[in-house]
Amino acid sequence: MSQKMIIAVDFDGTCVEHDYPNIGLDVEGAVATLRMLNQRGHRIILYTMRSGEKQEKAVKWFKDRKIALWAVNENPEQREWTSSPKPFADIYIDDSALGCPIMFIDGVRRPVVNWAKVREMLEYNDVL
């Protein structure tokens, strides 16, 4: 098994379909893959533009699906070596990230993360 990693995960368009400020429908494969990352001991950071009550609802989404978050919009360990607001992570999963596999869903204007392809990439790189 690979080393334990820090994985920053966006929310809208990544874990759920785009419906901001509401919580969209779960993106197929997101919950199962995120749970598997938890089971493998990887630490997940919710990395989102949501703030306040909207961010709290996103955090609740993870809790309701029994996906443990290590942190939200920060990496608690990096304070020792940087004051940058960008959380350090080994992997960033975001529908807007160049190279992140995406898919279009009928009737949805913006693409979402293709978790089946993400899972293949994680397995290939011995993360899962």
C-alpha atoms as a PDB file:
ATOM      1  CA  MET A   1       0.000   0.000   0.000  1.00  0.00           C
ATOM      2  CA  SER A   2       1.115   3.542  -0.701  1.00  0.00           C
ATOM      3  CA  GLN A   3       2.026   6.123   1.909  1.00  0.00           C
ATOM      4  CA  LYS A   4      -0.773   8.059   3.566  1.00  0.00           C
ATOM      5  CA  MET A   5      -1.577  11.167   1.567  1.00  0.00           C
ATOM      6  CA  ILE A   6      -3.275  14.496   2.082  1.00  0.00           C
ATOM      7  CA  ILE A   7      -6.021  14.940  -0.513  1.00  0.00           C
ATOM      8  CA  ALA A   8      -7.747  18.288  -1.049  1.00  0.00           C
ATOM      9  CA  VAL A   9     -11.223  17.883  -2.512  1.00  0.00           C
ATOM     10  CA  ASP A  10     -13.404  20.620  -3.973  1.00  0.00           C
ATOM     11  CA  PHE A  11     -17.145  20.412  -3.317  1.00  0.00           C
ATOM     12  CA  ASP A  12     -19.418  21.905  -6.009  1.00  0.00           C
ATOM     13  CA  GLY A  13     -18.945  20.055  -9.287  1.00  0.00           C
ATOM     14  CA  THR A  14     -16.684  17.547  -7.569  1.00  0.00           C
ATOM     15  CA  CYS A  15     -18.659  15.873  -4.792  1.00  0.00           C
ATOM     16  CA  VAL A  16     -22.063  17.225  -5.822  1.00  0.00           C
ATOM     17  CA  GLU A  17     -23.523  18.562  -9.039  1.00  0.00           C
ATOM     18  CA  HIS A  18     -23.413  22.330  -9.499  1.00  0.00           C
ATOM     19  CA  ASP A  19     -26.417  23.904  -7.768  1.00  0.00           C
ATOM     20  CA  TYR A  20     -24.782  26.628  -5.678  1.00  0.00           C
ATOM     21  CA  PRO A  21     -25.864  28.016  -3.250  1.00  0.00           C
ATOM     22  CA  ASN A  22     -27.865  24.820  -2.753  1.00  0.00           C
ATOM     23  CA  ILE A  23     -26.329  21.382  -2.357  1.00  0.00           C
ATOM     24  CA  GLY A  24     -26.546  19.527  -5.663  1.00  0.00           C
ATOM     25  CA  LEU A  25     -27.109  15.828  -6.178  1.00  0.00           C
ATOM     26  CA  ASP A  26     -24.203  13.533  -5.299  1.00  0.00           C
ATOM     27  CA  VAL A  27     -21.822  12.993  -8.208  1.00  0.00           C
ATOM     28  CA  GLU A  28     -21.777   9.286  -9.026  1.00  0.00           C
ATOM     29  CA  GLY A  29     -18.803   7.539  -7.435  1.00  0.00           C
ATOM     30  CA  ALA A  30     -17.769  10.412  -5.159  1.00  0.00           C
ATOM     31  CA  VAL A  31     -19.041   8.956  -1.878  1.00  0.00           C
ATOM     32  CA  ALA A  32     -17.660   5.456  -2.469  1.00  0.00           C
ATOM     33  CA  THR A  33     -14.233   6.738  -3.527  1.00  0.00           C
ATOM     34  CA  LEU A  34     -13.965   9.237  -0.675  1.00  0.00           C
ATOM     35  CA  ARG A  35     -14.933   6.545   1.844  1.00  0.00           C
ATOM     36  CA  MET A  36     -12.294   4.261   0.357  1.00  0.00           C
ATOM     37  CA  LEU A  37      -9.687   7.014   0.732  1.00  0.00           C
ATOM     38  CA  ASN A  38     -10.705   7.292   4.412  1.00  0.00           C
ATOM     39  CA  GLN A  39     -10.422   3.536   4.845  1.00  0.00           C
ATOM     40  CA  ARG A  40      -6.893   3.599   3.385  1.00  0.00           C
ATOM     41  CA  GLY A  41      -5.906   6.200   5.980  1.00  0.00           C
ATOM     42  CA  HIS A  42      -5.597   9.192   3.677  1.00  0.00           C
ATOM     43  CA  ARG A  43      -6.485  12.604   5.120  1.00  0.00           C
ATOM     44  CA  ILE A  44      -9.131  14.604   3.270  1.00  0.00           C
ATOM     45  CA  ILE A  45      -9.263  18.390   3.243  1.00  0.00           C
ATOM     46  CA  LEU A  46     -12.465  20.007   2.027  1.00  0.00           C
ATOM     47  CA  TYR A  47     -11.124  22.735  -0.264  1.00  0.00           C
ATOM     48  CA  THR A  48     -14.078  24.950  -1.170  1.00  0.00           C
ATOM     49  CA  MET A  49     -15.070  28.519  -1.967  1.00  0.00           C
ATOM     50  CA  ARG A  50     -18.106  28.087   0.287  1.00  0.00           C
ATOM     51  CA  SER A  51     -18.060  30.030   3.533  1.00  0.00           C
ATOM     52  CA  GLY A  52     -20.256  30.527   6.579  1.00  0.00           C
ATOM     53  CA  GLU A  53     -23.536  28.614   6.575  1.00  0.00           C
ATOM     54  CA  LYS A  54     -22.970  27.357   3.033  1.00  0.00           C
ATOM     55  CA  GLN A  55     -19.658  25.831   4.095  1.00  0.00           C
ATOM     56  CA  GLU A  56     -21.299  24.289   7.164  1.00  0.00           C
ATOM     57  CA  LYS A  57     -23.821  22.586   4.863  1.00  0.00           C
ATOM     58  CA  ALA A  58     -20.975  21.157   2.781  1.00  0.00           C
ATOM     59  CA  VAL A  59     -19.263  19.838   5.928  1.00  0.00           C
ATOM     60  CA  LYS A  60     -22.583  18.278   6.977  1.00  0.00           C
ATOM     61  CA  TRP A  61     -22.772  16.575   3.573  1.00  0.00           C
ATOM     62  CA  PHE A  62     -19.529  14.733   4.405  1.00  0.00           C
ATOM     63  CA  LYS A  63     -20.678  13.900   7.940  1.00  0.00           C
ATOM     64  CA  ASP A  64     -24.040  12.588   6.723  1.00  0.00           C
ATOM     65  CA  ARG A  65     -22.217  10.271   4.306  1.00  0.00           C
ATOM     66  CA  LYS A  66     -19.737   9.104   6.938  1.00  0.00           C
ATOM     67  CA  ILE A  67     -16.722  10.608   5.178  1.00  0.00           C
ATOM     68  CA  ALA A  68     -14.177  11.922   7.672  1.00  0.00           C
ATOM     69  CA  LEU A  69     -12.647  15.307   6.989  1.00  0.00           C
ATOM     70  CA  TRP A  70      -9.209  16.056   8.373  1.00  0.00           C
ATOM     71  CA  ALA A  71      -9.615  19.795   7.819  1.00  0.00           C
ATOM     72  CA  VAL A  72     -11.579  22.453   5.955  1.00  0.00           C
ATOM     73  CA  ASN A  73      -9.782  24.984   3.738  1.00  0.00           C
ATOM     74  CA  GLU A  74      -6.523  24.505   5.621  1.00  0.00           C
ATOM     75  CA  ASN A  75      -3.740  22.052   6.314  1.00  0.00           C
ATOM     76  CA  PRO A  76      -3.166  22.273  10.079  1.00  0.00           C
ATOM     77  CA  GLU A  77       0.389  20.930   9.752  1.00  0.00           C
ATOM     78  CA  GLN A  78       1.685  23.588   7.367  1.00  0.00           C
ATOM     79  CA  ARG A  79       1.522  26.447   9.879  1.00  0.00           C
ATOM     80  CA  GLU A  80       4.985  25.375  11.021  1.00  0.00           C
ATOM     81  CA  TRP A  81       6.595  26.210   7.685  1.00  0.00           C
ATOM     82  CA  THR A  82       4.351  28.677   5.797  1.00  0.00           C
ATOM     83  CA  SER A  83       1.664  31.285   6.338  1.00  0.00           C
ATOM     84  CA  SER A  84       0.175  30.717   2.875  1.00  0.00           C
ATOM     85  CA  PRO A  85      -3.626  30.438   2.821  1.00  0.00           C
ATOM     86  CA  LYS A  86      -3.454  27.676   0.185  1.00  0.00           C
ATOM     87  CA  PRO A  87      -3.594  24.302   1.918  1.00  0.00           C
ATOM     88  CA  PHE A  88      -0.763  21.965   0.998  1.00  0.00           C
ATOM     89  CA  ALA A  89      -1.961  18.600  -0.303  1.00  0.00           C
ATOM     90  CA  ASP A  90      -0.404  15.705  -2.192  1.00  0.00           C
ATOM     91  CA  ILE A  91      -3.409  15.542  -4.550  1.00  0.00           C
ATOM     92  CA  TYR A  92      -6.097  18.084  -5.478  1.00  0.00           C
ATOM     93  CA  ILE A  93      -9.389  16.795  -6.909  1.00  0.00           C
ATOM     94  CA  ASP A  94     -11.358  19.638  -8.467  1.00  0.00           C
ATOM     95  CA  ASP A  95     -13.676  19.850 -11.473  1.00  0.00           C
ATOM     96  CA  SER A  96     -11.838  23.001 -12.570  1.00  0.00           C
ATOM     97  CA  ALA A  97      -8.347  21.513 -12.326  1.00  0.00           C
ATOM     98  CA  LEU A  98      -6.548  20.977 -15.610  1.00  0.00           C
ATOM     99  CA  GLY A  99      -6.181  17.250 -16.118  1.00  0.00           C
ATOM    100  CA  CYS A 100      -8.940  16.212 -13.711  1.00  0.00           C
ATOM    101  CA  PRO A 101     -11.269  13.861 -15.615  1.00  0.00           C
ATOM    102  CA  ILE A 102     -14.720  15.358 -16.052  1.00  0.00           C
ATOM    103  CA  MET A 103     -18.032  14.283 -17.532  1.00  0.00           C
ATOM    104  CA  PHE A 104     -21.183  16.018 -18.666  1.00  0.00           C
ATOM    105  CA  ILE A 105     -24.577  15.039 -17.267  1.00  0.00           C
ATOM    106  CA  ASP A 106     -27.667  15.550 -19.421  1.00  0.00           C
ATOM    107  CA  GLY A 107     -29.440  18.732 -18.426  1.00  0.00           C
ATOM    108  CA  VAL A 108     -26.562  20.039 -16.299  1.00  0.00           C
ATOM    109  CA  ARG A 109     -24.766  23.079 -17.703  1.00  0.00           C
ATOM    110  CA  ARG A 110     -21.343  22.539 -16.140  1.00  0.00           C
ATOM    111  CA  PRO A 111     -19.317  19.328 -16.072  1.00  0.00           C
ATOM    112  CA  VAL A 112     -18.597  17.368 -12.894  1.00  0.00           C
ATOM    113  CA  VAL A 113     -15.711  15.147 -11.830  1.00  0.00           C
ATOM    114  CA  ASN A 114     -15.716  11.680 -13.373  1.00  0.00           C
ATOM    115  CA  TRP A 115     -15.025   9.652 -10.234  1.00  0.00           C
ATOM    116  CA  ALA A 116     -14.729   6.357 -12.128  1.00  0.00           C
ATOM    117  CA  LYS A 117     -11.720   7.805 -13.979  1.00  0.00           C
ATOM    118  CA  VAL A 118     -10.359   9.413 -10.782  1.00  0.00           C
ATOM    119  CA  ARG A 119     -10.576   6.041  -9.056  1.00  0.00           C
ATOM    120  CA  GLU A 120      -8.674   4.403 -11.942  1.00  0.00           C
ATOM    121  CA  MET A 121      -5.961   7.050 -11.623  1.00  0.00           C
ATOM    122  CA  LEU A 122      -5.755   6.583  -7.846  1.00  0.00           C
ATOM    123  CA  GLU A 123      -5.544   2.803  -8.219  1.00  0.00           C
ATOM    124  CA  TYR A 124      -2.895   3.090 -10.941  1.00  0.00           C
ATOM    125  CA  ASN A 125      -0.813   5.336  -8.661  1.00  0.00           C
ATOM    126  CA  ASP A 126      -1.258   2.951  -5.703  1.00  0.00           C
ATOM    127  CA  VAL A 127      -3.281   5.447  -3.674  1.00  0.00           C
ATOM    128  CA  LEU A 128      -6.279   3.079  -3.540  1.00  0.00           C
END
